[in-house]
Amino acid sequence: MNLRAIGCNFRTAPVEIREKLAFDPAKQEWAVSELAARFGAEVVLLSTCNRVEVYLARGLEEQPFDLELGAEFLAECHNLPGRLVGEHLYEFVNEAAVRHLFRVAASLDSLIVGEGQIAGQVKQAFELSRKLGCTGSLLNPLFQHALASAKRVRTETGIAHGHVSVSSVAVDYVRQVFDHFADKTVLVIGAGKMARLTLKHLQALAPGRILVTNRSPQKAVEVATACGGKPVPWDRLDDALIEADIVLSTTGASEPIMPRARFNSRVLPRRNGTMVILDIAVPRDFDPAIHDGDQVCLFNIDDLTRIREQTIARRQRHIAPAEAIIDSEVKRFLEEWNRRRSGPVIGQLTAELDKLRSEVVNQLLPKLNGKITQEERKLIEYHFRLFQNKLLHGPIAALQEASREGQSGTLLEALKKLFRLE
């Protein structure tokens, strides 16, 4: 196995770094194809608001894709200094990379442990790479097994109880600011999946009005119609902000859509009361300097850490059983993977010795024609087979033992060289 997982997450990189490394769909597709072509590898690239990770598998004889190469490639993609990128990256190798992916898919490595969105994001990243023809004999079974293991964790433990997600945590912040919502106006900026998920939680608060704006008027109308809200033209964003008490912003813009100077000059002087802005976009939509903690409360992805800790405390008792499931599934995957790798070599080795045994027996028996009985002939053939089986027992047993321990690679190569196997 020659597998690497290289990336950063909310623990190793603040939001201002993660937003620089985030991939939009077009750039993600290009990066996967480019990595696969450049390194002759299988590739899956996972990009979410809380992590960017590259999973790359190459042949055993190939040089590994290491942390330095990963940093160089990510820096190249986003036109950033390699040193800036590298200092925030981590690397997992082979079995550790397998375990990391299984924990990521099961939401054991998430900002909110047990949140349900990450498995879907892993699946989406995997399916993109598979559609591009950039997965193969390792990443296909690896990601399929990781997703199946994540399902086991969700169904066999209570770690996902409560349906806590980034969206619901964002709404928890709103509840801390306002004690009633019938007179409040919610403004939704953006019409993506995250906007729709968070809007569902906001709707449960029964706000007085919902406004929706998007660069695409059609998408704004679609979201507004679905939630009983009112679409607002994109060029009236400032006016909508003046009316809003709660703002949910989740656009895919590459730069802030609301700089501090614009907000302070066009919006702030014309409104009254407290405004809560939930900027859960990466890159961020609102200049963080807009937050004053009094009239304007602006929260971004990293502000969810406090409620994340509270959620982890409630779910703490479910983490150990979930980790035990992951341990067993990682072990099972590695055993299956090594068995798949060993099987063809064992088959080739057995076939080669079958061929040699047959050649020797077929040379010997004609010379004994008329000198031995049919029963003696069968006995000679039986003992040649017995000798072959005894000869094969040692190498096969050693290979199977090494496979169970995940250390069969060197022995496989040795056997292929010793017996001239393809």
Protein backbone atom coordinates (compact mmCIF):
# COMPACT_ATOMS: atom_id res chain seq x y z
CA MET A 1 0.00 0.00 0.00
CA ASN A 2 1.31 3.41 -0.97
CA LEU A 3 -1.39 5.73 0.39
CA ARG A 4 -1.17 9.28 1.68
CA ALA A 5 -3.76 11.61 3.21
CA ILE A 6 -2.50 15.21 3.28
CA GLY A 7 -4.50 18.24 4.31
CA CYS A 8 -5.64 20.63 6.99
CA ASN A 9 -8.73 21.01 9.14
CA PHE A 10 -10.25 23.32 11.73
CA ARG A 11 -7.69 22.16 14.30
CA THR A 12 -4.60 22.96 12.25
CA ALA A 13 -5.72 25.96 10.20
CA PRO A 14 -7.90 28.96 11.11
CA VAL A 15 -10.75 29.97 8.85
CA GLU A 16 -8.67 32.67 7.14
CA ILE A 17 -6.32 29.92 5.89
CA ARG A 18 -9.00 27.35 5.11
CA GLU A 19 -10.95 29.82 3.00
CA LYS A 20 -7.83 30.41 0.90
CA LEU A 21 -7.44 26.65 0.34
CA ALA A 22 -11.11 25.90 -0.38
CA PHE A 23 -11.99 24.39 -3.78
CA ASP A 24 -15.07 25.34 -5.75
CA PRO A 25 -16.50 22.51 -7.92
CA ALA A 26 -14.70 23.55 -11.11
CA LYS A 27 -11.32 23.92 -9.42
CA GLN A 28 -11.82 20.66 -7.51
CA GLU A 29 -12.47 18.78 -10.75
CA TRP A 30 -9.37 20.30 -12.32
CA ALA A 31 -7.20 19.54 -9.26
CA VAL A 32 -8.26 15.87 -9.11
CA SER A 33 -7.55 15.34 -12.80
CA GLU A 34 -4.24 17.21 -12.60
CA LEU A 35 -3.01 15.25 -9.57
CA ALA A 36 -3.96 11.96 -11.17
CA ALA A 37 -2.17 12.83 -14.42
CA ARG A 38 0.87 14.45 -12.84
CA PHE A 39 1.60 11.68 -10.34
CA GLY A 40 0.06 8.69 -12.11
CA ALA A 41 -2.11 8.12 -9.07
CA GLU A 42 -5.59 7.47 -7.74
CA VAL A 43 -6.93 10.69 -6.19
CA VAL A 44 -9.85 11.91 -4.09
CA LEU A 45 -9.98 15.54 -2.96
CA LEU A 46 -12.27 16.46 -0.06
CA SER A 47 -13.05 20.17 0.40
CA THR A 48 -15.51 21.34 3.05
CA CYS A 49 -15.80 24.40 5.25
CA ASN A 50 -13.78 22.63 7.95
CA ARG A 51 -11.16 20.68 5.97
CA VAL A 52 -9.27 20.28 2.72
CA GLU A 53 -7.69 16.83 2.25
CA VAL A 54 -6.05 14.99 -0.63
CA TYR A 55 -6.11 11.17 -0.62
CA LEU A 56 -3.57 9.84 -3.11
CA ALA A 57 -2.57 6.23 -3.86
CA ARG A 58 0.30 5.10 -6.08
CA GLY A 59 1.98 1.82 -6.98
CA LEU A 60 4.38 0.32 -4.45
CA GLU A 61 7.33 0.96 -6.75
CA GLU A 62 6.48 4.67 -7.10
CA GLN A 63 7.90 7.41 -4.92
CA PRO A 64 5.35 8.45 -2.26
CA PHE A 65 3.33 11.65 -2.56
CA ASP A 66 4.67 13.40 0.55
CA LEU A 67 3.82 16.44 2.64
CA GLU A 68 6.15 18.71 0.68
CA LEU A 69 4.60 17.78 -2.66
CA GLY A 70 1.12 18.21 -1.17
CA ALA A 71 1.96 21.69 0.09
CA GLU A 72 3.47 22.65 -3.27
CA PHE A 73 0.41 21.49 -5.17
CA LEU A 74 -2.12 23.22 -2.90
CA ALA A 75 -0.05 26.41 -2.98
CA GLU A 76 0.07 26.21 -6.78
CA CYS A 77 -3.72 25.72 -7.01
CA HIS A 78 -4.44 28.82 -4.96
CA ASN A 79 -1.41 30.97 -5.84
CA LEU A 80 -0.15 30.97 -2.24
CA PRO A 81 3.34 30.73 -0.70
CA GLY A 82 4.29 27.10 -0.15
CA ARG A 83 5.59 27.84 3.35
CA LEU A 84 2.27 29.38 4.41
CA VAL A 85 0.38 26.28 3.25
CA GLY A 86 2.85 23.71 4.57
CA GLU A 87 2.84 24.87 8.16
CA HIS A 88 -0.87 24.07 8.48
CA LEU A 89 -0.84 20.61 6.86
CA TYR A 90 -0.81 17.13 8.39
CA GLU A 91 0.04 13.81 6.77
CA PHE A 92 -1.20 10.26 7.33
CA VAL A 93 0.52 7.27 5.74
CA ASN A 94 -0.94 3.89 4.73
CA GLU A 95 -2.82 2.34 7.69
CA ALA A 96 -2.94 5.70 9.50
CA ALA A 97 -4.47 7.25 6.35
CA VAL A 98 -7.08 4.48 6.24
CA ARG A 99 -7.97 5.09 9.89
CA HIS A 100 -8.12 8.86 9.38
CA LEU A 101 -10.55 8.55 6.46
CA PHE A 102 -12.78 6.15 8.40
CA ARG A 103 -12.89 8.59 11.35
CA VAL A 104 -13.60 11.55 9.03
CA ALA A 105 -16.47 9.74 7.29
CA ALA A 106 -17.93 8.66 10.65
CA SER A 107 -17.80 12.27 11.90
CA LEU A 108 -15.37 11.45 14.70
CA ASP A 109 -12.98 14.10 13.39
CA SER A 110 -15.62 16.79 12.80
CA LEU A 111 -16.08 20.18 14.39
CA ILE A 112 -19.40 18.83 15.66
CA VAL A 113 -18.82 15.14 16.48
CA GLY A 114 -21.65 13.07 15.04
CA GLU A 115 -22.82 15.66 12.48
CA GLY A 116 -24.40 13.95 9.51
CA GLN A 117 -23.23 16.07 6.58
CA ILE A 118 -19.64 14.86 6.37
CA ALA A 119 -20.49 11.35 5.15
CA GLY A 120 -22.40 12.88 2.24
CA GLN A 121 -19.48 15.21 1.48
CA VAL A 122 -17.04 12.27 1.49
CA LYS A 123 -19.35 10.33 -0.82
CA GLN A 124 -19.69 13.31 -3.17
CA ALA A 125 -15.89 13.77 -3.36
CA PHE A 126 -15.40 10.05 -4.02
CA GLU A 127 -18.09 9.93 -6.72
CA LEU A 128 -16.56 12.93 -8.49
CA SER A 129 -13.16 11.23 -8.64
CA ARG A 130 -14.71 7.95 -9.77
CA LYS A 131 -16.64 9.77 -12.52
CA LEU A 132 -13.36 11.33 -13.68
CA GLY A 133 -11.71 7.89 -13.75
CA CYS A 134 -9.29 8.89 -10.98
CA THR A 135 -9.97 6.03 -8.54
CA GLY A 136 -8.98 2.40 -8.82
CA SER A 137 -8.02 -0.77 -7.00
CA LEU A 138 -7.26 0.94 -3.66
CA LEU A 139 -9.42 4.06 -3.37
CA ASN A 140 -12.58 2.39 -4.68
CA PRO A 141 -12.77 -0.28 -1.94
CA LEU A 142 -11.30 2.13 0.62
CA PHE A 143 -13.97 4.83 0.25
CA GLN A 144 -16.78 2.30 -0.11
CA HIS A 145 -15.71 0.61 3.12
CA ALA A 146 -15.27 3.97 4.88
CA LEU A 147 -18.84 5.01 4.00
CA ALA A 148 -20.24 1.64 5.10
CA SER A 149 -18.37 1.96 8.40
CA ALA A 150 -19.77 5.46 8.91
CA LYS A 151 -23.28 4.06 8.47
CA ARG A 152 -22.54 1.41 11.12
CA VAL A 153 -21.43 4.12 13.55
CA ARG A 154 -24.60 6.16 12.98
CA THR A 155 -26.96 3.20 13.35
CA GLU A 156 -25.24 1.30 16.18
CA THR A 157 -24.34 4.21 18.49
CA GLY A 158 -26.09 7.35 19.70
CA ILE A 159 -23.35 9.64 18.46
CA ALA A 160 -25.63 11.24 15.86
CA HIS A 161 -28.62 11.71 18.17
CA GLY A 162 -29.97 15.22 18.29
CA HIS A 163 -29.23 15.93 14.61
CA VAL A 164 -26.62 18.51 15.57
CA SER A 165 -24.91 20.10 12.56
CA VAL A 166 -23.19 23.31 11.67
CA SER A 167 -26.61 24.59 10.63
CA SER A 168 -28.33 23.81 13.93
CA VAL A 169 -25.43 25.17 15.96
CA ALA A 170 -25.66 28.44 14.03
CA VAL A 171 -29.33 28.70 15.00
CA ASP A 172 -28.42 28.02 18.64
CA TYR A 173 -26.39 31.24 18.52
CA VAL A 174 -29.49 33.10 17.34
CA ARG A 175 -31.47 31.76 20.29
CA GLN A 176 -28.89 33.22 22.64
CA VAL A 177 -29.47 36.71 21.22
CA PHE A 178 -33.28 36.84 20.72
CA ASP A 179 -35.97 35.43 22.97
CA HIS A 180 -38.82 35.78 20.43
CA PHE A 181 -38.97 35.75 16.64
CA ALA A 182 -42.51 36.59 15.48
CA ASP A 183 -41.41 40.17 14.74
CA LYS A 184 -38.02 39.27 13.26
CA THR A 185 -36.93 39.35 9.61
CA VAL A 186 -34.55 36.69 8.32
CA LEU A 187 -32.40 37.44 5.28
CA VAL A 188 -30.90 34.50 3.41
CA ILE A 189 -27.95 35.33 1.13
CA GLY A 190 -27.12 32.44 -1.18
CA ALA A 191 -29.16 29.47 -2.31
CA GLY A 192 -26.84 26.50 -1.87
CA LYS A 193 -27.28 23.33 0.15
CA MET A 194 -25.91 24.87 3.35
CA ALA A 195 -28.28 27.84 3.04
CA ARG A 196 -31.27 25.54 2.62
CA LEU A 197 -30.26 23.32 5.56
CA THR A 198 -29.76 26.25 7.91
CA LEU A 199 -32.95 27.90 6.72
CA LYS A 200 -34.91 24.82 7.81
CA HIS A 201 -33.65 25.32 11.35
CA LEU A 202 -34.43 29.04 11.21
CA GLN A 203 -37.95 28.35 9.97
CA ALA A 204 -38.57 26.33 13.13
CA LEU A 205 -38.22 29.61 15.05
CA ALA A 206 -41.29 30.95 13.17
CA PRO A 207 -39.82 34.33 12.13
CA GLY A 208 -42.17 37.05 10.93
CA ARG A 209 -40.59 37.40 7.48
CA ILE A 210 -38.00 35.67 5.31
CA LEU A 211 -36.16 37.49 2.52
CA VAL A 212 -33.97 35.65 0.01
CA THR A 213 -31.37 37.14 -2.31
CA ASN A 214 -28.94 35.54 -4.72
CA ARG A 215 -26.92 36.55 -7.75
CA SER A 216 -29.17 34.22 -9.70
CA PRO A 217 -32.72 35.63 -9.50
CA GLN A 218 -34.15 32.23 -10.39
CA LYS A 219 -32.46 30.52 -7.44
CA ALA A 220 -33.64 33.28 -5.11
CA VAL A 221 -37.21 32.71 -6.28
CA GLU A 222 -36.87 28.93 -5.82
CA VAL A 223 -35.62 29.20 -2.24
CA ALA A 224 -38.13 31.92 -1.36
CA THR A 225 -41.02 29.88 -2.77
CA ALA A 226 -39.94 26.79 -0.82
CA CYS A 227 -39.83 28.65 2.51
CA GLY A 228 -42.73 31.05 2.01
CA GLY A 229 -40.35 33.99 1.75
CA LYS A 230 -39.88 36.93 -0.55
CA PRO A 231 -37.15 37.11 -3.23
CA VAL A 232 -35.04 40.27 -3.27
CA PRO A 233 -32.92 41.42 -6.25
CA TRP A 234 -29.19 41.14 -5.67
CA ASP A 235 -28.67 44.87 -6.29
CA ARG A 236 -30.93 45.56 -3.30
CA LEU A 237 -28.70 43.66 -0.86
CA ASP A 238 -27.99 46.80 1.21
CA ASP A 239 -31.72 47.54 1.60
CA ALA A 240 -32.41 43.94 2.61
CA LEU A 241 -29.68 44.12 5.25
CA ILE A 242 -31.26 47.27 6.69
CA GLU A 243 -34.52 45.37 7.20
CA ALA A 244 -32.98 42.16 8.52
CA ASP A 245 -32.61 41.09 12.14
CA ILE A 246 -31.02 37.73 11.32
CA VAL A 247 -28.75 37.25 8.32
CA LEU A 248 -27.73 33.86 6.98
CA SER A 249 -24.95 34.13 4.39
CA THR A 250 -23.59 31.09 2.54
CA THR A 251 -22.50 32.24 -0.90
CA GLY A 252 -19.59 30.73 -2.81
CA ALA A 253 -18.02 34.12 -3.50
CA SER A 254 -14.22 34.19 -3.66
CA GLU A 255 -14.09 37.58 -1.86
CA PRO A 256 -16.24 39.21 0.84
CA ILE A 257 -19.54 40.46 -0.54
CA MET A 258 -19.85 43.01 2.28
CA PRO A 259 -16.69 44.99 3.17
CA ARG A 260 -16.69 46.93 6.43
CA ALA A 261 -16.65 50.37 4.75
CA ARG A 262 -19.73 49.58 2.68
CA PHE A 263 -21.60 48.13 5.66
CA ASN A 264 -20.76 51.02 7.96
CA SER A 265 -21.69 53.68 5.42
CA ARG A 266 -24.77 52.20 3.73
CA VAL A 267 -26.34 49.78 6.22
CA LEU A 268 -25.49 50.54 9.83
CA PRO A 269 -26.67 54.18 10.00
CA ARG A 270 -30.12 53.28 8.61
CA ARG A 271 -31.15 50.49 10.92
CA ASN A 272 -32.16 50.01 14.57
CA GLY A 273 -31.84 47.10 16.94
CA THR A 274 -29.49 44.15 17.11
CA MET A 275 -28.46 42.25 14.00
CA VAL A 276 -27.12 38.68 14.07
CA ILE A 277 -25.09 37.67 11.02
CA LEU A 278 -24.39 33.98 10.53
CA ASP A 279 -21.56 33.98 8.02
CA ILE A 280 -21.01 30.26 7.47
CA ALA A 281 -19.45 30.64 4.04
CA VAL A 282 -15.85 29.69 3.33
CA PRO A 283 -14.41 32.01 2.08
CA ARG A 284 -16.26 34.39 4.42
CA ASP A 285 -18.90 36.74 2.99
CA PHE A 286 -18.69 39.51 5.60
CA ASP A 287 -15.64 41.43 6.73
CA PRO A 288 -15.04 40.20 10.32
CA ALA A 289 -14.39 43.80 11.42
CA ILE A 290 -18.15 44.42 11.07
CA HIS A 291 -18.72 42.65 14.41
CA ASP A 292 -19.01 45.06 17.34
CA GLY A 293 -20.60 42.70 19.88
CA ASP A 294 -23.44 45.16 20.54
CA GLN A 295 -25.46 46.29 17.56
CA VAL A 296 -23.94 43.73 15.19
CA CYS A 297 -23.07 40.17 16.22
CA LEU A 298 -21.18 38.40 13.46
CA PHE A 299 -20.38 34.69 13.77
CA ASN A 300 -18.33 32.56 11.38
CA ILE A 301 -17.50 28.85 11.20
CA ASP A 302 -14.79 29.02 13.85
CA ASP A 303 -17.19 30.65 16.32
CA LEU A 304 -18.99 27.30 16.58
CA THR A 305 -16.22 25.84 18.74
CA ARG A 306 -17.89 26.61 22.07
CA ILE A 307 -21.17 24.85 21.26
CA ARG A 308 -19.14 22.07 19.67
CA GLU A 309 -17.56 21.42 23.07
CA GLN A 310 -20.97 21.29 24.71
CA THR A 311 -22.19 18.86 22.08
CA ILE A 312 -19.16 16.64 22.53
CA ALA A 313 -19.81 16.53 26.26
CA ARG A 314 -23.36 15.28 25.66
CA ARG A 315 -22.16 12.70 23.17
CA GLN A 316 -19.02 11.68 25.01
CA ARG A 317 -20.37 8.33 26.12
CA HIS A 318 -20.94 7.33 22.48
CA ILE A 319 -17.44 8.14 21.24
CA ALA A 320 -15.74 5.03 22.68
CA PRO A 321 -18.21 2.57 21.06
CA ALA A 322 -17.90 4.47 17.78
CA GLU A 323 -14.11 4.31 17.92
CA ALA A 324 -14.33 0.57 18.62
CA ILE A 325 -16.42 0.11 15.46
CA ILE A 326 -13.86 2.09 13.45
CA ASP A 327 -11.01 0.00 14.88
CA SER A 328 -12.72 -3.23 13.86
CA GLU A 329 -13.63 -1.93 10.40
CA VAL A 330 -10.11 -0.63 9.73
CA LYS A 331 -8.70 -4.02 10.73
CA ARG A 332 -11.22 -5.80 8.50
CA PHE A 333 -10.44 -3.55 5.54
CA LEU A 334 -6.69 -4.05 5.91
CA GLU A 335 -7.10 -7.82 6.16
CA GLU A 336 -9.31 -7.87 3.05
CA TRP A 337 -6.95 -5.58 1.18
CA ASN A 338 -3.89 -7.66 2.00
CA ARG A 339 -5.75 -10.87 1.20
CA ARG A 340 -6.72 -9.47 -2.20
CA ARG A 341 -3.09 -8.58 -2.84
CA SER A 342 -1.80 -11.96 -1.60
CA GLY A 343 -4.40 -14.10 -3.36
CA PRO A 344 -3.07 -13.68 -6.92
CA VAL A 345 0.51 -14.34 -5.79
CA ILE A 346 -0.53 -17.48 -3.91
CA GLY A 347 -2.50 -18.59 -6.97
CA GLN A 348 0.44 -17.95 -9.31
CA LEU A 349 2.87 -19.70 -6.95
CA THR A 350 0.61 -22.75 -6.68
CA ALA A 351 0.10 -22.88 -10.44
CA GLU A 352 3.83 -22.59 -11.08
CA LEU A 353 4.66 -25.49 -8.75
CA ASP A 354 1.77 -27.48 -10.21
CA LYS A 355 3.36 -27.02 -13.61
CA LEU A 356 6.83 -28.03 -12.38
CA ARG A 357 5.47 -31.07 -10.52
CA SER A 358 3.55 -32.20 -13.60
CA GLU A 359 6.63 -31.82 -15.77
CA VAL A 360 8.79 -33.95 -13.40
CA VAL A 361 6.10 -36.62 -12.92
CA ASN A 362 5.44 -36.81 -16.65
CA GLN A 363 9.16 -37.30 -17.29
CA LEU A 364 9.50 -39.93 -14.56
CA LEU A 365 6.49 -42.19 -15.04
CA PRO A 366 7.14 -43.18 -18.69
CA LYS A 367 10.57 -44.43 -17.62
CA LEU A 368 8.90 -46.67 -15.03
CA ASN A 369 6.33 -48.02 -17.49
CA GLY A 370 5.89 -51.76 -16.97
CA LYS A 371 7.98 -51.70 -13.80
CA ILE A 372 5.28 -50.47 -11.41
CA THR A 373 1.62 -51.21 -10.86
CA GLN A 374 -1.23 -48.74 -11.31
CA GLU A 375 -1.54 -48.43 -7.52
CA GLU A 376 2.20 -47.67 -7.21
CA ARG A 377 1.84 -45.07 -9.98
CA LYS A 378 -0.96 -43.32 -8.02
CA LEU A 379 1.16 -43.48 -4.86
CA ILE A 380 4.07 -41.75 -6.59
CA GLU A 381 1.77 -38.99 -7.89
CA TYR A 382 0.23 -38.59 -4.42
CA HIS A 383 3.62 -38.14 -2.73
CA PHE A 384 4.75 -35.61 -5.30
CA ARG A 385 1.59 -33.60 -4.52
CA LEU A 386 2.22 -34.03 -0.80
CA PHE A 387 5.78 -32.76 -1.24
CA GLN A 388 4.47 -29.77 -3.19
CA ASN A 389 1.92 -28.93 -0.48
CA LYS A 390 4.54 -29.16 2.25
CA LEU A 391 6.89 -26.98 0.24
CA LEU A 392 4.16 -24.36 -0.26
CA HIS A 393 2.89 -24.42 3.32
CA GLY A 394 5.72 -22.31 4.75
CA PRO A 395 5.65 -19.44 2.23
CA ILE A 396 1.82 -19.33 2.13
CA ALA A 397 1.47 -19.39 5.93
CA ALA A 398 4.10 -16.66 6.27
CA LEU A 399 2.35 -14.55 3.61
CA GLN A 400 -1.05 -14.97 5.26
CA GLU A 401 0.39 -14.03 8.65
CA ALA A 402 2.09 -10.97 7.17
CA SER A 403 -1.20 -10.02 5.46
CA ARG A 404 -3.09 -10.12 8.76
CA GLU A 405 -0.45 -7.81 10.23
CA GLY A 406 -0.54 -5.50 7.22
CA GLN A 407 3.10 -6.20 6.38
CA SER A 408 2.87 -8.43 3.33
CA GLY A 409 4.33 -6.00 0.77
CA THR A 410 8.02 -6.92 1.13
CA LEU A 411 7.31 -10.66 1.33
CA LEU A 412 5.08 -10.51 -1.75
CA GLU A 413 7.83 -8.84 -3.76
CA ALA A 414 10.40 -11.39 -2.49
CA LEU A 415 8.24 -14.36 -3.48
CA LYS A 416 7.60 -12.92 -6.93
CA LYS A 417 11.33 -12.49 -7.50
CA LEU A 418 12.33 -15.88 -6.02
CA PHE A 419 9.81 -17.83 -8.11
CA ARG A 420 9.91 -15.55 -11.18
CA LEU A 421 6.21 -14.74 -10.93
CA GLU A 422 4.55 -12.03 -13.01
